[in-house]
Amino acid sequence: DSGTYAEVRNSGRFGAIANSNIETDGIDIENHYRPISQGGAINYSRVN
């Protein structure tokens, strides 16, 4: 559920997340690949 999803994402204790996001242009790329501490709101891979 949504609450558990937020908890798991924040904890980082998962192997993979399956999702998509409807956005436009480079904004979405920033959100996915910026470090979480620097605004990567949907950085599911937790890359830095």
ModelCIF file with pLDDT and N, C-alpha, C, O atoms, coordinates in Angstrom:
data_MODEL
#
_entry.id   MODEL 
#
_entity.id                         1 
_entity.type                       polymer 
_entity.pdbx_number_of_molecules   1 
#
_entity_poly.entity_id                      1 
_entity_poly.type                           'polypeptide(L)' 
_entity_poly.nstd_linkage                   no 
_entity_poly.nstd_monomer                   no 
_entity_poly.pdbx_seq_one_letter_code       DSGTYAEVRNSGRFGAIANSNIETDGIDIENHYRPISQGGAINYSRVN 
_entity_poly.pdbx_seq_one_letter_code_can   DSGTYAEVRNSGRFGAIANSNIETDGIDIENHYRPISQGGAINYSRVN 
_entity_poly.pdbx_strand_id                 A 
#
loop_
_entity_poly_seq.entity_id 
_entity_poly_seq.num 
_entity_poly_seq.mon_id 
_entity_poly_seq.hetero 
1 1  ASP n 
1 2  SER n 
1 3  GLY n 
1 4  THR n 
1 5  TYR n 
1 6  ALA n 
1 7  GLU n 
1 8  VAL n 
1 9  ARG n 
1 10 ASN n 
1 11 SER n 
1 12 GLY n 
1 13 ARG n 
1 14 PHE n 
1 15 GLY n 
1 16 ALA n 
1 17 ILE n 
1 18 ALA n 
1 19 ASN n 
1 20 SER n 
1 21 ASN n 
1 22 ILE n 
1 23 GLU n 
1 24 THR n 
1 25 ASP n 
1 26 GLY n 
1 27 ILE n 
1 28 ASP n 
1 29 ILE n 
1 30 GLU n 
1 31 ASN n 
1 32 HIS n 
1 33 TYR n 
1 34 ARG n 
1 35 PRO n 
1 36 ILE n 
1 37 SER n 
1 38 GLN n 
1 39 GLY n 
1 40 GLY n 
1 41 ALA n 
1 42 ILE n 
1 43 ASN n 
1 44 TYR n 
1 45 SER n 
1 46 ARG n 
1 47 VAL n 
1 48 ASN n 
#
_struct_asym.id          A 
_struct_asym.entity_id   1 
#
loop_
_ma_qa_metric.id 
_ma_qa_metric.mode 
_ma_qa_metric.name 
_ma_qa_metric.software_group_id 
_ma_qa_metric.type 
1 global pLDDT . pLDDT 
2 local  pLDDT . pLDDT 
#
_ma_qa_metric_global.metric_id      1 
_ma_qa_metric_global.metric_value   91.48 
_ma_qa_metric_global.model_id       1 
_ma_qa_metric_global.ordinal_id     1 
#
loop_
_ma_qa_metric_local.label_asym_id 
_ma_qa_metric_local.label_comp_id 
_ma_qa_metric_local.label_seq_id 
_ma_qa_metric_local.metric_id 
_ma_qa_metric_local.metric_value 
_ma_qa_metric_local.model_id 
_ma_qa_metric_local.ordinal_id 
A ASP 1  2 96.00 1 1  
A SER 2  2 94.00 1 2  
A GLY 3  2 95.00 1 3  
A THR 4  2 96.00 1 4  
A TYR 5  2 95.00 1 5  
A ALA 6  2 94.00 1 6  
A GLU 7  2 96.00 1 7  
A VAL 8  2 96.00 1 8  
A ARG 9  2 94.00 1 9  
A ASN 10 2 94.00 1 10 
A SER 11 2 95.00 1 11 
A GLY 12 2 95.00 1 12 
A ARG 13 2 96.00 1 13 
A PHE 14 2 97.00 1 14 
A GLY 15 2 97.00 1 15 
A ALA 16 2 98.00 1 16 
A ILE 17 2 97.00 1 17 
A ALA 18 2 96.00 1 18 
A ASN 19 2 94.00 1 19 
A SER 20 2 93.00 1 20 
A ASN 21 2 90.00 1 21 
A ILE 22 2 86.00 1 22 
A GLU 23 2 81.00 1 23 
A THR 24 2 72.00 1 24 
A ASP 25 2 69.00 1 25 
A GLY 26 2 69.00 1 26 
A ILE 27 2 76.00 1 27 
A ASP 28 2 81.00 1 28 
A ILE 29 2 88.00 1 29 
A GLU 30 2 89.00 1 30 
A ASN 31 2 90.00 1 31 
A HIS 32 2 92.00 1 32 
A TYR 33 2 94.00 1 33 
A ARG 34 2 94.00 1 34 
A PRO 35 2 95.00 1 35 
A ILE 36 2 93.00 1 36 
A SER 37 2 92.00 1 37 
A GLN 38 2 91.00 1 38 
A GLY 39 2 88.00 1 39 
A GLY 40 2 91.00 1 40 
A ALA 41 2 90.00 1 41 
A ILE 42 2 92.00 1 42 
A ASN 43 2 96.00 1 43 
A TYR 44 2 96.00 1 44 
A SER 45 2 97.00 1 45 
A ARG 46 2 97.00 1 46 
A VAL 47 2 97.00 1 47 
A ASN 48 2 97.00 1 48 
#
loop_
_atom_site.group_PDB 
_atom_site.id 
_atom_site.type_symbol 
_atom_site.label_atom_id 
_atom_site.label_alt_id 
_atom_site.label_comp_id 
_atom_site.label_asym_id 
_atom_site.label_entity_id 
_atom_site.label_seq_id 
_atom_site.pdbx_PDB_ins_code 
_atom_site.Cartn_x 
_atom_site.Cartn_y 
_atom_site.Cartn_z 
_atom_site.occupancy 
_atom_site.B_iso_or_equiv 
_atom_site.pdbx_formal_charge 
_atom_site.auth_seq_id 
_atom_site.auth_comp_id 
_atom_site.auth_asym_id 
_atom_site.auth_atom_id 
_atom_site.pdbx_PDB_model_num 
ATOM 1   N N  . ASP A 1 1  ? 0.839  -1.194 0.000   1.00 96.00 ? 1  ASP A N  1 
ATOM 2   C CA . ASP A 1 1  ? 0.000  0.000  0.000   1.00 96.00 ? 1  ASP A CA 1 
ATOM 3   C C  . ASP A 1 1  ? 0.878  1.250  0.000   1.00 96.00 ? 1  ASP A C  1 
ATOM 4   O O  . ASP A 1 1  ? 2.100  1.162  0.119   1.00 96.00 ? 1  ASP A O  1 
ATOM 5   N N  . SER A 1 2  ? 0.249  2.401  -0.133  1.00 94.00 ? 2  SER A N  1 
ATOM 6   C CA . SER A 1 2  ? 1.007  3.645  -0.295  1.00 94.00 ? 2  SER A CA 1 
ATOM 7   C C  . SER A 1 2  ? 1.896  3.953  0.903   1.00 94.00 ? 2  SER A C  1 
ATOM 8   O O  . SER A 1 2  ? 3.030  4.404  0.740   1.00 94.00 ? 2  SER A O  1 
ATOM 9   N N  . GLY A 1 3  ? 1.381  3.709  2.110   1.00 95.00 ? 3  GLY A N  1 
ATOM 10  C CA . GLY A 1 3  ? 2.170  3.988  3.297   1.00 95.00 ? 3  GLY A CA 1 
ATOM 11  C C  . GLY A 1 3  ? 3.399  3.104  3.391   1.00 95.00 ? 3  GLY A C  1 
ATOM 12  O O  . GLY A 1 3  ? 4.497  3.579  3.679   1.00 95.00 ? 3  GLY A O  1 
ATOM 13  N N  . THR A 1 4  ? 3.207  1.804  3.146   1.00 96.00 ? 4  THR A N  1 
ATOM 14  C CA . THR A 1 4  ? 4.336  0.870  3.177   1.00 96.00 ? 4  THR A CA 1 
ATOM 15  C C  . THR A 1 4  ? 5.327  1.184  2.074   1.00 96.00 ? 4  THR A C  1 
ATOM 16  O O  . THR A 1 4  ? 6.538  1.087  2.271   1.00 96.00 ? 4  THR A O  1 
ATOM 17  N N  . TYR A 1 5  ? 4.810  1.561  0.910   1.00 95.00 ? 5  TYR A N  1 
ATOM 18  C CA . TYR A 1 5  ? 5.676  1.912  -0.218  1.00 95.00 ? 5  TYR A CA 1 
ATOM 19  C C  . TYR A 1 5  ? 6.609  3.056  0.153   1.00 95.00 ? 5  TYR A C  1 
ATOM 20  O O  . TYR A 1 5  ? 7.806  2.996  -0.126  1.00 95.00 ? 5  TYR A O  1 
ATOM 21  N N  . ALA A 1 6  ? 6.070  4.099  0.781   1.00 94.00 ? 6  ALA A N  1 
ATOM 22  C CA . ALA A 1 6  ? 6.889  5.236  1.195   1.00 94.00 ? 6  ALA A CA 1 
ATOM 23  C C  . ALA A 1 6  ? 7.931  4.811  2.224   1.00 94.00 ? 6  ALA A C  1 
ATOM 24  O O  . ALA A 1 6  ? 9.077  5.257  2.167   1.00 94.00 ? 6  ALA A O  1 
ATOM 25  N N  . GLU A 1 7  ? 7.541  3.954  3.160   1.00 96.00 ? 7  GLU A N  1 
ATOM 26  C CA . GLU A 1 7  ? 8.471  3.485  4.191   1.00 96.00 ? 7  GLU A CA 1 
ATOM 27  C C  . GLU A 1 7  ? 9.618  2.684  3.578   1.00 96.00 ? 7  GLU A C  1 
ATOM 28  O O  . GLU A 1 7  ? 10.784 2.893  3.916   1.00 96.00 ? 7  GLU A O  1 
ATOM 29  N N  . VAL A 1 8  ? 9.280  1.776  2.683   1.00 96.00 ? 8  VAL A N  1 
ATOM 30  C CA . VAL A 1 8  ? 10.307 0.934  2.058   1.00 96.00 ? 8  VAL A CA 1 
ATOM 31  C C  . VAL A 1 8  ? 11.259 1.785  1.224   1.00 96.00 ? 8  VAL A C  1 
ATOM 32  O O  . VAL A 1 8  ? 12.476 1.612  1.295   1.00 96.00 ? 8  VAL A O  1 
ATOM 33  N N  . ARG A 1 9  ? 10.715 2.692  0.444   1.00 94.00 ? 9  ARG A N  1 
ATOM 34  C CA . ARG A 1 9  ? 11.562 3.576  -0.366  1.00 94.00 ? 9  ARG A CA 1 
ATOM 35  C C  . ARG A 1 9  ? 12.523 4.363  0.501   1.00 94.00 ? 9  ARG A C  1 
ATOM 36  O O  . ARG A 1 9  ? 13.714 4.435  0.196   1.00 94.00 ? 9  ARG A O  1 
ATOM 37  N N  . ASN A 1 10 ? 12.032 4.950  1.569   1.00 94.00 ? 10 ASN A N  1 
ATOM 38  C CA . ASN A 1 10 ? 12.863 5.766  2.440   1.00 94.00 ? 10 ASN A CA 1 
ATOM 39  C C  . ASN A 1 10 ? 13.924 4.947  3.165   1.00 94.00 ? 10 ASN A C  1 
ATOM 40  O O  . ASN A 1 10 ? 15.023 5.434  3.431   1.00 94.00 ? 10 ASN A O  1 
ATOM 41  N N  . SER A 1 11 ? 13.584 3.698  3.481   1.00 95.00 ? 11 SER A N  1 
ATOM 42  C CA . SER A 1 11 ? 14.544 2.847  4.190   1.00 95.00 ? 11 SER A CA 1 
ATOM 43  C C  . SER A 1 11 ? 15.674 2.374  3.278   1.00 95.00 ? 11 SER A C  1 
ATOM 44  O O  . SER A 1 11 ? 16.783 2.118  3.747   1.00 95.00 ? 11 SER A O  1 
ATOM 45  N N  . GLY A 1 12 ? 15.400 2.258  1.982   1.00 95.00 ? 12 GLY A N  1 
ATOM 46  C CA . GLY A 1 12 ? 16.392 1.759  1.049   1.00 95.00 ? 12 GLY A CA 1 
ATOM 47  C C  . GLY A 1 12 ? 16.577 0.261  1.087   1.00 95.00 ? 12 GLY A C  1 
ATOM 48  O O  . GLY A 1 12 ? 17.475 -0.265 0.430   1.00 95.00 ? 12 GLY A O  1 
ATOM 49  N N  . ARG A 1 13 ? 15.748 -0.438 1.840   1.00 96.00 ? 13 ARG A N  1 
ATOM 50  C CA . ARG A 1 13 ? 15.893 -1.881 1.985   1.00 96.00 ? 13 ARG A CA 1 
ATOM 51  C C  . ARG A 1 13 ? 14.980 -2.611 0.989   1.00 96.00 ? 13 ARG A C  1 
ATOM 52  O O  . ARG A 1 13 ? 13.945 -3.163 1.361   1.00 96.00 ? 13 ARG A O  1 
ATOM 53  N N  . PHE A 1 14 ? 15.381 -2.598 -0.250  1.00 97.00 ? 14 PHE A N  1 
ATOM 54  C CA . PHE A 1 14 ? 14.654 -3.285 -1.315  1.00 97.00 ? 14 PHE A CA 1 
ATOM 55  C C  . PHE A 1 14 ? 15.635 -3.592 -2.435  1.00 97.00 ? 14 PHE A C  1 
ATOM 56  O O  . PHE A 1 14 ? 16.694 -2.972 -2.534  1.00 97.00 ? 14 PHE A O  1 
ATOM 57  N N  . GLY A 1 15 ? 15.277 -4.552 -3.276  1.00 97.00 ? 15 GLY A N  1 
ATOM 58  C CA . GLY A 1 15 ? 16.146 -4.903 -4.392  1.00 97.00 ? 15 GLY A CA 1 
ATOM 59  C C  . GLY A 1 15 ? 15.866 -4.091 -5.637  1.00 97.00 ? 15 GLY A C  1 
ATOM 60  O O  . GLY A 1 15 ? 16.788 -3.684 -6.344  1.00 97.00 ? 15 GLY A O  1 
ATOM 61  N N  . ALA A 1 16 ? 14.584 -3.853 -5.906  1.00 98.00 ? 16 ALA A N  1 
ATOM 62  C CA . ALA A 1 16 ? 14.193 -3.117 -7.109  1.00 98.00 ? 16 ALA A CA 1 
ATOM 63  C C  . ALA A 1 16 ? 12.820 -2.506 -6.889  1.00 98.00 ? 16 ALA A C  1 
ATOM 64  O O  . ALA A 1 16 ? 12.029 -2.989 -6.079  1.00 98.00 ? 16 ALA A O  1 
ATOM 65  N N  . ILE A 1 17 ? 12.552 -1.441 -7.622  1.00 97.00 ? 17 ILE A N  1 
ATOM 66  C CA . ILE A 1 17 ? 11.228 -0.812 -7.638  1.00 97.00 ? 17 ILE A CA 1 
ATOM 67  C C  . ILE A 1 17 ? 10.772 -0.736 -9.086  1.00 97.00 ? 17 ILE A C  1 
ATOM 68  O O  . ILE A 1 17 ? 11.537 -0.343 -9.966  1.00 97.00 ? 17 ILE A O  1 
ATOM 69  N N  . ALA A 1 18 ? 9.536  -1.109 -9.326  1.00 96.00 ? 18 ALA A N  1 
ATOM 70  C CA . ALA A 1 18 ? 8.953  -1.029 -10.663 1.00 96.00 ? 18 ALA A CA 1 
ATOM 71  C C  . ALA A 1 18 ? 8.008  0.163  -10.702 1.00 96.00 ? 18 ALA A C  1 
ATOM 72  O O  . ALA A 1 18 ? 7.056  0.228  -9.923  1.00 96.00 ? 18 ALA A O  1 
ATOM 73  N N  . ASN A 1 19 ? 8.266  1.116  -11.613 1.00 94.00 ? 19 ASN A N  1 
ATOM 74  C CA . ASN A 1 19 ? 7.413  2.298  -11.680 1.00 94.00 ? 19 ASN A CA 1 
ATOM 75  C C  . ASN A 1 19 ? 7.692  3.079  -12.956 1.00 94.00 ? 19 ASN A C  1 
ATOM 76  O O  . ASN A 1 19 ? 8.639  2.800  -13.691 1.00 94.00 ? 19 ASN A O  1 
ATOM 77  N N  . SER A 1 20 ? 6.837  4.060  -13.191 1.00 93.00 ? 20 SER A N  1 
ATOM 78  C CA . SER A 1 20 ? 7.024  5.018  -14.292 1.00 93.00 ? 20 SER A CA 1 
ATOM 79  C C  . SER A 1 20 ? 6.631  6.385  -13.765 1.00 93.00 ? 20 SER A C  1 
ATOM 80  O O  . SER A 1 20 ? 6.125  6.505  -12.649 1.00 93.00 ? 20 SER A O  1 
ATOM 81  N N  . ASN A 1 21 ? 6.862  7.414  -14.568 1.00 90.00 ? 21 ASN A N  1 
ATOM 82  C CA . ASN A 1 21 ? 6.466  8.758  -14.149 1.00 90.00 ? 21 ASN A CA 1 
ATOM 83  C C  . ASN A 1 21 ? 6.142  9.589  -15.375 1.00 90.00 ? 21 ASN A C  1 
ATOM 84  O O  . ASN A 1 21 ? 6.931  9.655  -16.318 1.00 90.00 ? 21 ASN A O  1 
ATOM 85  N N  . ILE A 1 22 ? 4.981  10.222 -15.359 1.00 86.00 ? 22 ILE A N  1 
ATOM 86  C CA . ILE A 1 22 ? 4.582  11.064 -16.485 1.00 86.00 ? 22 ILE A CA 1 
ATOM 87  C C  . ILE A 1 22 ? 5.064  12.485 -16.222 1.00 86.00 ? 22 ILE A C  1 
ATOM 88  O O  . ILE A 1 22 ? 4.534  13.182 -15.356 1.00 86.00 ? 22 ILE A O  1 
ATOM 89  N N  . GLU A 1 23 ? 6.052  12.896 -16.960 1.00 81.00 ? 23 GLU A N  1 
ATOM 90  C CA . GLU A 1 23 ? 6.615  14.254 -16.854 1.00 81.00 ? 23 GLU A CA 1 
ATOM 91  C C  . GLU A 1 23 ? 7.017  14.723 -18.234 1.00 81.00 ? 23 GLU A C  1 
ATOM 92  O O  . GLU A 1 23 ? 6.691  14.085 -19.235 1.00 81.00 ? 23 GLU A O  1 
ATOM 93  N N  . THR A 1 24 ? 7.713  15.821 -18.287 1.00 72.00 ? 24 THR A N  1 
ATOM 94  C CA . THR A 1 24 ? 8.149  16.344 -19.574 1.00 72.00 ? 24 THR A CA 1 
ATOM 95  C C  . THR A 1 24 ? 9.618  16.728 -19.525 1.00 72.00 ? 24 THR A C  1 
ATOM 96  O O  . THR A 1 24 ? 10.100 17.267 -18.529 1.00 72.00 ? 24 THR A O  1 
ATOM 97  N N  . ASP A 1 25 ? 10.316 16.446 -20.601 1.00 69.00 ? 25 ASP A N  1 
ATOM 98  C CA . ASP A 1 25 ? 11.676 16.910 -20.828 1.00 69.00 ? 25 ASP A CA 1 
ATOM 99  C C  . ASP A 1 25 ? 12.623 16.462 -19.714 1.00 69.00 ? 25 ASP A C  1 
ATOM 100 O O  . ASP A 1 25 ? 12.442 15.383 -19.149 1.00 69.00 ? 25 ASP A O  1 
ATOM 101 N N  . GLY A 1 26 ? 13.614 17.268 -19.397 1.00 69.00 ? 26 GLY A N  1 
ATOM 102 C CA . GLY A 1 26 ? 14.675 16.858 -18.483 1.00 69.00 ? 26 GLY A CA 1 
ATOM 103 C C  . GLY A 1 26 ? 14.305 16.858 -17.024 1.00 69.00 ? 26 GLY A C  1 
ATOM 104 O O  . GLY A 1 26 ? 15.069 16.344 -16.207 1.00 69.00 ? 26 GLY A O  1 
ATOM 105 N N  . ILE A 1 27 ? 13.161 17.414 -16.656 1.00 76.00 ? 27 ILE A N  1 
ATOM 106 C CA . ILE A 1 27 ? 12.764 17.467 -15.254 1.00 76.00 ? 27 ILE A CA 1 
ATOM 107 C C  . ILE A 1 27 ? 12.708 16.066 -14.663 1.00 76.00 ? 27 ILE A C  1 
ATOM 108 O O  . ILE A 1 27 ? 13.177 15.833 -13.549 1.00 76.00 ? 27 ILE A O  1 
ATOM 109 N N  . ASP A 1 28 ? 12.140 15.148 -15.404 1.00 81.00 ? 28 ASP A N  1 
ATOM 110 C CA . ASP A 1 28 ? 11.985 13.785 -14.928 1.00 81.00 ? 28 ASP A CA 1 
ATOM 111 C C  . ASP A 1 28 ? 13.338 13.111 -14.761 1.00 81.00 ? 28 ASP A C  1 
ATOM 112 O O  . ASP A 1 28 ? 13.545 12.353 -13.814 1.00 81.00 ? 28 ASP A O  1 
ATOM 113 N N  . ILE A 1 29 ? 14.258 13.385 -15.679 1.00 88.00 ? 29 ILE A N  1 
ATOM 114 C CA . ILE A 1 29 ? 15.590 12.785 -15.601 1.00 88.00 ? 29 ILE A CA 1 
ATOM 115 C C  . ILE A 1 29 ? 16.306 13.283 -14.350 1.00 88.00 ? 29 ILE A C  1 
ATOM 116 O O  . ILE A 1 29 ? 16.982 12.508 -13.672 1.00 88.00 ? 29 ILE A O  1 
ATOM 117 N N  . GLU A 1 30 ? 16.165 14.560 -14.041 1.00 89.00 ? 30 GLU A N  1 
ATOM 118 C CA . GLU A 1 30 ? 16.754 15.113 -12.816 1.00 89.00 ? 30 GLU A CA 1 
ATOM 119 C C  . GLU A 1 30 ? 16.209 14.372 -11.599 1.00 89.00 ? 30 GLU A C  1 
ATOM 120 O O  . GLU A 1 30 ? 16.975 13.960 -10.728 1.00 89.00 ? 30 GLU A O  1 
ATOM 121 N N  . ASN A 1 31 ? 14.907 14.204 -11.537 1.00 90.00 ? 31 ASN A N  1 
ATOM 122 C CA . ASN A 1 31 ? 14.284 13.573 -10.375 1.00 90.00 ? 31 ASN A CA 1 
ATOM 123 C C  . ASN A 1 31 ? 14.725 12.126 -10.192 1.00 90.00 ? 31 ASN A C  1 
ATOM 124 O O  . ASN A 1 31 ? 14.807 11.638 -9.064  1.00 90.00 ? 31 ASN A O  1 
ATOM 125 N N  . HIS A 1 32 ? 15.007 11.438 -11.294 1.00 92.00 ? 32 HIS A N  1 
ATOM 126 C CA . HIS A 1 32 ? 15.398 10.030 -11.226 1.00 92.00 ? 32 HIS A CA 1 
ATOM 127 C C  . HIS A 1 32 ? 16.875 9.835  -10.896 1.00 92.00 ? 32 HIS A C  1 
ATOM 128 O O  . HIS A 1 32 ? 17.226 8.856  -10.238 1.00 92.00 ? 32 HIS A O  1 
ATOM 129 N N  . TYR A 1 33 ? 17.746 10.736 -11.334 1.00 94.00 ? 33 TYR A N  1 
ATOM 130 C CA . TYR A 1 33 ? 19.175 10.443 -11.287 1.00 94.00 ? 33 TYR A CA 1 
ATOM 131 C C  . TYR A 1 33 ? 20.012 11.413 -10.461 1.00 94.00 ? 33 TYR A C  1 
ATOM 132 O O  . TYR A 1 33 ? 21.212 11.189 -10.302 1.00 94.00 ? 33 TYR A O  1 
ATOM 133 N N  . ARG A 1 34 ? 19.423 12.481 -9.930  1.00 94.00 ? 34 ARG A N  1 
ATOM 134 C CA . ARG A 1 34 ? 20.119 13.271 -8.927  1.00 94.00 ? 34 ARG A CA 1 
ATOM 135 C C  . ARG A 1 34 ? 20.220 12.461 -7.641  1.00 94.00 ? 34 ARG A C  1 
ATOM 136 O O  . ARG A 1 34 ? 19.322 11.668 -7.357  1.00 94.00 ? 34 ARG A O  1 
ATOM 137 N N  . PRO A 1 35 ? 21.273 12.629 -6.857  1.00 95.00 ? 35 PRO A N  1 
ATOM 138 C CA . PRO A 1 35 ? 21.329 11.965 -5.552  1.00 95.00 ? 35 PRO A CA 1 
ATOM 139 C C  . PRO A 1 35 ? 20.115 12.333 -4.716  1.00 95.00 ? 35 PRO A C  1 
ATOM 140 O O  . PRO A 1 35 ? 19.606 13.449 -4.816  1.00 95.00 ? 35 PRO A O  1 
ATOM 141 N N  . ILE A 1 36 ? 19.650 11.405 -3.895  1.00 93.00 ? 36 ILE A N  1 
ATOM 142 C CA . ILE A 1 36 ? 18.472 11.633 -3.070  1.00 93.00 ? 36 ILE A CA 1 
ATOM 143 C C  . ILE A 1 36 ? 18.659 12.869 -2.200  1.00 93.00 ? 36 ILE A C  1 
ATOM 144 O O  . ILE A 1 36 ? 17.715 13.630 -1.986  1.00 93.00 ? 36 ILE A O  1 
ATOM 145 N N  . SER A 1 37 ? 19.862 13.069 -1.703  1.00 92.00 ? 37 SER A N  1 
ATOM 146 C CA . SER A 1 37 ? 20.138 14.214 -0.828  1.00 92.00 ? 37 SER A CA 1 
ATOM 147 C C  . SER A 1 37 ? 20.176 15.536 -1.580  1.00 92.00 ? 37 SER A C  1 
ATOM 148 O O  . SER A 1 37 ? 20.206 16.603 -0.966  1.00 92.00 ? 37 SER A O  1 
ATOM 149 N N  . GLN A 1 38 ? 20.175 15.469 -2.915  1.00 91.00 ? 38 GLN A N  1 
ATOM 150 C CA . GLN A 1 38 ? 20.245 16.684 -3.737  1.00 91.00 ? 38 GLN A CA 1 
ATOM 151 C C  . GLN A 1 38 ? 19.012 16.854 -4.619  1.00 91.00 ? 38 GLN A C  1 
ATOM 152 O O  . GLN A 1 38 ? 19.075 17.479 -5.677  1.00 91.00 ? 38 GLN A O  1 
ATOM 153 N N  . GLY A 1 39 ? 17.899 16.295 -4.174  1.00 88.00 ? 39 GLY A N  1 
ATOM 154 C CA . GLY A 1 39 ? 16.651 16.522 -4.902  1.00 88.00 ? 39 GLY A CA 1 
ATOM 155 C C  . GLY A 1 39 ? 16.174 15.382 -5.773  1.00 88.00 ? 39 GLY A C  1 
ATOM 156 O O  . GLY A 1 39 ? 15.200 15.542 -6.509  1.00 88.00 ? 39 GLY A O  1 
ATOM 157 N N  . GLY A 1 40 ? 16.838 14.222 -5.712  1.00 91.00 ? 40 GLY A N  1 
ATOM 158 C CA . GLY A 1 40 ? 16.408 13.080 -6.520  1.00 91.00 ? 40 GLY A CA 1 
ATOM 159 C C  . GLY A 1 40 ? 15.183 12.426 -5.909  1.00 91.00 ? 40 GLY A C  1 
ATOM 160 O O  . GLY A 1 40 ? 15.274 11.368 -5.286  1.00 91.00 ? 40 GLY A O  1 
ATOM 161 N N  . ALA A 1 41 ? 14.039 13.065 -6.092  1.00 90.00 ? 41 ALA A N  1 
ATOM 162 C CA . ALA A 1 41 ? 12.811 12.647 -5.406  1.00 90.00 ? 41 ALA A CA 1 
ATOM 163 C C  . ALA A 1 41 ? 12.379 11.239 -5.770  1.00 90.00 ? 41 ALA A C  1 
ATOM 164 O O  . ALA A 1 41 ? 11.799 10.539 -4.940  1.00 90.00 ? 41 ALA A O  1 
ATOM 165 N N  . ILE A 1 42 ? 12.650 10.810 -7.001  1.00 92.00 ? 42 ILE A N  1 
ATOM 166 C CA . ILE A 1 42 ? 12.265 9.464  -7.420  1.00 92.00 ? 42 ILE A CA 1 
ATOM 167 C C  . ILE A 1 42 ? 13.503 8.707  -7.914  1.00 92.00 ? 42 ILE A C  1 
ATOM 168 O O  . ILE A 1 42 ? 13.458 7.996  -8.918  1.00 92.00 ? 42 ILE A O  1 
ATOM 169 N N  . ASN A 1 43 ? 14.605 8.880  -7.184  1.00 96.00 ? 43 ASN A N  1 
ATOM 170 C CA . ASN A 1 43 ? 15.838 8.164  -7.490  1.00 96.00 ? 43 ASN A CA 1 
ATOM 171 C C  . ASN A 1 43 ? 15.732 6.759  -6.908  1.00 96.00 ? 43 ASN A C  1 
ATOM 172 O O  . ASN A 1 43 ? 16.323 6.456  -5.871  1.00 96.00 ? 43 ASN A O  1 
ATOM 173 N N  . TYR A 1 44 ? 14.964 5.900  -7.594  1.00 96.00 ? 44 TYR A N  1 
ATOM 174 C CA . TYR A 1 44 ? 14.688 4.562  -7.084  1.00 96.00 ? 44 TYR A CA 1 
ATOM 175 C C  . TYR A 1 44 ? 15.936 3.691  -7.005  1.00 96.00 ? 44 TYR A C  1 
ATOM 176 O O  . TYR A 1 44 ? 16.027 2.819  -6.141  1.00 96.00 ? 44 TYR A O  1 
ATOM 177 N N  . SER A 1 45 ? 16.902 3.917  -7.898  1.00 97.00 ? 45 SER A N  1 
ATOM 178 C CA . SER A 1 45 ? 18.121 3.109  -7.876  1.00 97.00 ? 45 SER A CA 1 
ATOM 179 C C  . SER A 1 45 ? 19.106 3.594  -6.819  1.00 97.00 ? 45 SER A C  1 
ATOM 180 O O  . SER A 1 45 ? 20.093 2.917  -6.531  1.00 97.00 ? 45 SER A O  1 
ATOM 181 N N  . ARG A 1 46 ? 18.838 4.776  -6.233  1.00 97.00 ? 46 ARG A N  1 
ATOM 182 C CA . ARG A 1 46 ? 19.658 5.344  -5.164  1.00 97.00 ? 46 ARG A CA 1 
ATOM 183 C C  . ARG A 1 46 ? 21.098 5.600  -5.609  1.00 97.00 ? 46 ARG A C  1 
ATOM 184 O O  . ARG A 1 46 ? 22.042 5.474  -4.830  1.00 97.00 ? 46 ARG A O  1 
ATOM 185 N N  . VAL A 1 47 ? 21.236 5.962  -6.874  1.00 97.00 ? 47 VAL A N  1 
ATOM 186 C CA . VAL A 1 47 ? 22.562 6.200  -7.430  1.00 97.00 ? 47 VAL A CA 1 
ATOM 187 C C  . VAL A 1 47 ? 23.085 7.583  -7.049  1.00 97.00 ? 47 VAL A C  1 
ATOM 188 O O  . VAL A 1 47 ? 22.318 8.540  -6.941  1.00 97.00 ? 47 VAL A O  1 
ATOM 189 N N  . ASN A 1 48 ? 24.390 7.675  -6.849  1.00 97.00 ? 48 ASN A N  1 
ATOM 190 C CA . ASN A 1 48 ? 25.094 8.946  -6.666  1.00 97.00 ? 48 ASN A CA 1 
ATOM 191 C C  . ASN A 1 48 ? 26.413 8.805  -7.402  1.00 97.00 ? 48 ASN A C  1 
ATOM 192 O O  . ASN A 1 48 ? 27.215 9.738  -7.414  1.00 97.00 ? 48 ASN A O  1 
#
